[in-house]
């Protein structure tokens, strides 16, 4: 199964409709609910500079990946909104 981060973010926010989450909280939810996919991601990681060797390191990497694809998530799923007035940004399903 391919790693579909955008779909997993959408799934998290849709299931938690009305709640706001930072990328760290979304990453933790993904790790808790898609554990096997996350372990496969860690096993297949080719990172040299910041190797993903711990669970927390993997969660941090997922959080950074969510930040990277924020615009794509908003484009693919118009129901997902990002509150950019908060620091860190908060994602929510509307």
C-alpha atoms as a PDB file:
ATOM      1  CA  UNK A   1       0.000   0.000   0.000  1.00  0.00           C
ATOM      2  CA  UNK A   2       1.353   3.415  -0.932  1.00  0.00           C
ATOM      3  CA  UNK A   3       1.943   6.091   1.671  1.00  0.00           C
ATOM      4  CA  UNK A   4      -0.985   8.503   1.189  1.00  0.00           C
ATOM      5  CA  UNK A   5      -0.282  11.270   3.674  1.00  0.00           C
ATOM      6  CA  UNK A   6      -2.852  13.693   2.272  1.00  0.00           C
ATOM      7  CA  UNK A   7      -5.560  11.047   2.569  1.00  0.00           C
ATOM      8  CA  UNK A   8      -4.525  10.222   6.121  1.00  0.00           C
ATOM      9  CA  UNK A   9      -4.624  13.903   7.137  1.00  0.00           C
ATOM     10  CA  UNK A  10      -8.083  14.226   5.571  1.00  0.00           C
ATOM     11  CA  UNK A  11      -9.233  11.067   7.370  1.00  0.00           C
ATOM     12  CA  UNK A  12      -8.018  12.419  10.721  1.00  0.00           C
ATOM     13  CA  UNK A  13      -9.688  15.801  10.321  1.00  0.00           C
ATOM     14  CA  UNK A  14     -12.924  14.345   8.953  1.00  0.00           C
ATOM     15  CA  UNK A  15     -13.229  11.945  11.895  1.00  0.00           C
ATOM     16  CA  UNK A  16     -12.529  14.775  14.343  1.00  0.00           C
ATOM     17  CA  UNK A  17     -14.814  17.342  12.674  1.00  0.00           C
ATOM     18  CA  UNK A  18     -14.976  20.656  14.505  1.00  0.00           C
ATOM     19  CA  UNK A  19     -11.678  20.141  16.350  1.00  0.00           C
ATOM     20  CA  UNK A  20      -8.447  21.955  15.525  1.00  0.00           C
ATOM     21  CA  UNK A  21      -5.096  20.220  15.339  1.00  0.00           C
ATOM     22  CA  UNK A  22      -1.478  21.217  14.855  1.00  0.00           C
ATOM     23  CA  UNK A  23       0.631  19.126  12.497  1.00  0.00           C
ATOM     24  CA  UNK A  24       2.198  17.448  15.524  1.00  0.00           C
ATOM     25  CA  UNK A  25      -1.183  16.271  16.818  1.00  0.00           C
ATOM     26  CA  UNK A  26      -2.214  15.081  13.345  1.00  0.00           C
ATOM     27  CA  UNK A  27       1.087  13.215  13.004  1.00  0.00           C
ATOM     28  CA  UNK A  28       0.532  11.549  16.387  1.00  0.00           C
ATOM     29  CA  UNK A  29      -2.994  10.528  15.325  1.00  0.00           C
ATOM     30  CA  UNK A  30      -1.651   9.080  12.068  1.00  0.00           C
ATOM     31  CA  UNK A  31       1.029   7.178  13.994  1.00  0.00           C
ATOM     32  CA  UNK A  32      -1.565   5.786  16.432  1.00  0.00           C
ATOM     33  CA  UNK A  33      -4.116   4.844  13.749  1.00  0.00           C
ATOM     34  CA  UNK A  34      -1.833   3.747  10.893  1.00  0.00           C
ATOM     35  CA  UNK A  35       0.949   2.141  12.889  1.00  0.00           C
ATOM     36  CA  UNK A  36       1.932  -0.467  10.291  1.00  0.00           C
ATOM     37  CA  UNK A  37       2.096   2.103   7.470  1.00  0.00           C
ATOM     38  CA  UNK A  38       4.264   4.301   9.696  1.00  0.00           C
ATOM     39  CA  UNK A  39       6.613   1.459  10.573  1.00  0.00           C
ATOM     40  CA  UNK A  40       6.935   0.650   6.875  1.00  0.00           C
ATOM     41  CA  UNK A  41       7.748   4.313   6.209  1.00  0.00           C
ATOM     42  CA  UNK A  42      10.474   4.235   8.865  1.00  0.00           C
ATOM     43  CA  UNK A  43      11.900   0.972   7.535  1.00  0.00           C
ATOM     44  CA  UNK A  44      11.979   2.334   3.966  1.00  0.00           C
ATOM     45  CA  UNK A  45      13.431   5.704   4.947  1.00  0.00           C
ATOM     46  CA  UNK A  46      16.646   6.619   3.160  1.00  0.00           C
ATOM     47  CA  UNK A  47      17.281   9.751   5.233  1.00  0.00           C
ATOM     48  CA  UNK A  48      20.976  10.278   5.839  1.00  0.00           C
ATOM     49  CA  UNK A  49      21.154  13.680   7.506  1.00  0.00           C
ATOM     50  CA  UNK A  50      18.295  13.097   9.979  1.00  0.00           C
ATOM     51  CA  UNK A  51      17.691   9.348  10.067  1.00  0.00           C
ATOM     52  CA  UNK A  52      14.296   8.264  11.366  1.00  0.00           C
ATOM     53  CA  UNK A  53      15.260   5.725  14.030  1.00  0.00           C
ATOM     54  CA  UNK A  54      12.720   6.341  16.822  1.00  0.00           C
ATOM     55  CA  UNK A  55       8.957   6.624  17.034  1.00  0.00           C
ATOM     56  CA  UNK A  56       9.215  10.289  18.028  1.00  0.00           C
ATOM     57  CA  UNK A  57      11.592  10.960  15.149  1.00  0.00           C
ATOM     58  CA  UNK A  58       9.082   9.401  12.768  1.00  0.00           C
ATOM     59  CA  UNK A  59       6.231  11.484  14.219  1.00  0.00           C
ATOM     60  CA  UNK A  60       8.347  14.626  13.785  1.00  0.00           C
ATOM     61  CA  UNK A  61       9.076  13.668  10.172  1.00  0.00           C
ATOM     62  CA  UNK A  62       5.379  13.092   9.463  1.00  0.00           C
ATOM     63  CA  UNK A  63       4.628  16.499  11.002  1.00  0.00           C
ATOM     64  CA  UNK A  64       7.184  18.164   8.710  1.00  0.00           C
ATOM     65  CA  UNK A  65       5.750  16.292   5.715  1.00  0.00           C
ATOM     66  CA  UNK A  66       2.265  17.602   6.555  1.00  0.00           C
ATOM     67  CA  UNK A  67       3.630  21.163   6.593  1.00  0.00           C
ATOM     68  CA  UNK A  68       5.240  20.577   3.214  1.00  0.00           C
ATOM     69  CA  UNK A  69       2.028  19.429   1.549  1.00  0.00           C
ATOM     70  CA  UNK A  70      -0.364  21.919   3.233  1.00  0.00           C
ATOM     71  CA  UNK A  71      -1.360  23.653  -0.007  1.00  0.00           C
ATOM     72  CA  UNK A  72      -1.907  20.353  -1.802  1.00  0.00           C
ATOM     73  CA  UNK A  73      -4.124  19.141   1.047  1.00  0.00           C
ATOM     74  CA  UNK A  74      -6.196  22.332   0.889  1.00  0.00           C
ATOM     75  CA  UNK A  75      -6.516  22.007  -2.896  1.00  0.00           C
ATOM     76  CA  UNK A  76      -7.448  18.301  -2.882  1.00  0.00           C
ATOM     77  CA  UNK A  77      -9.861  18.608   0.036  1.00  0.00           C
ATOM     78  CA  UNK A  78     -11.653  21.994   0.111  1.00  0.00           C
ATOM     79  CA  UNK A  79     -13.325  20.996   3.390  1.00  0.00           C
ATOM     80  CA  UNK A  80      -9.938  21.162   5.117  1.00  0.00           C
ATOM     81  CA  UNK A  81      -9.070  24.607   6.375  1.00  0.00           C
ATOM     82  CA  UNK A  82      -5.906  25.948   7.947  1.00  0.00           C
ATOM     83  CA  UNK A  83      -5.955  28.750  10.496  1.00  0.00           C
ATOM     84  CA  UNK A  84      -2.807  30.659   9.623  1.00  0.00           C
ATOM     85  CA  UNK A  85      -3.317  33.229  12.388  1.00  0.00           C
ATOM     86  CA  UNK A  86      -2.147  30.744  15.019  1.00  0.00           C
ATOM     87  CA  UNK A  87       1.412  29.637  15.600  1.00  0.00           C
ATOM     88  CA  UNK A  88       1.700  26.779  14.855  1.00  0.00           C
ATOM     89  CA  UNK A  89      -1.003  26.634  12.176  1.00  0.00           C
ATOM     90  CA  UNK A  90      -4.157  24.728  13.099  1.00  0.00           C
ATOM     91  CA  UNK A  91      -5.872  22.389  10.644  1.00  0.00           C
ATOM     92  CA  UNK A  92      -9.580  21.607  10.846  1.00  0.00           C
ATOM     93  CA  UNK A  93     -12.428  20.063   8.838  1.00  0.00           C
ATOM     94  CA  UNK A  94     -15.384  22.301   8.044  1.00  0.00           C
END
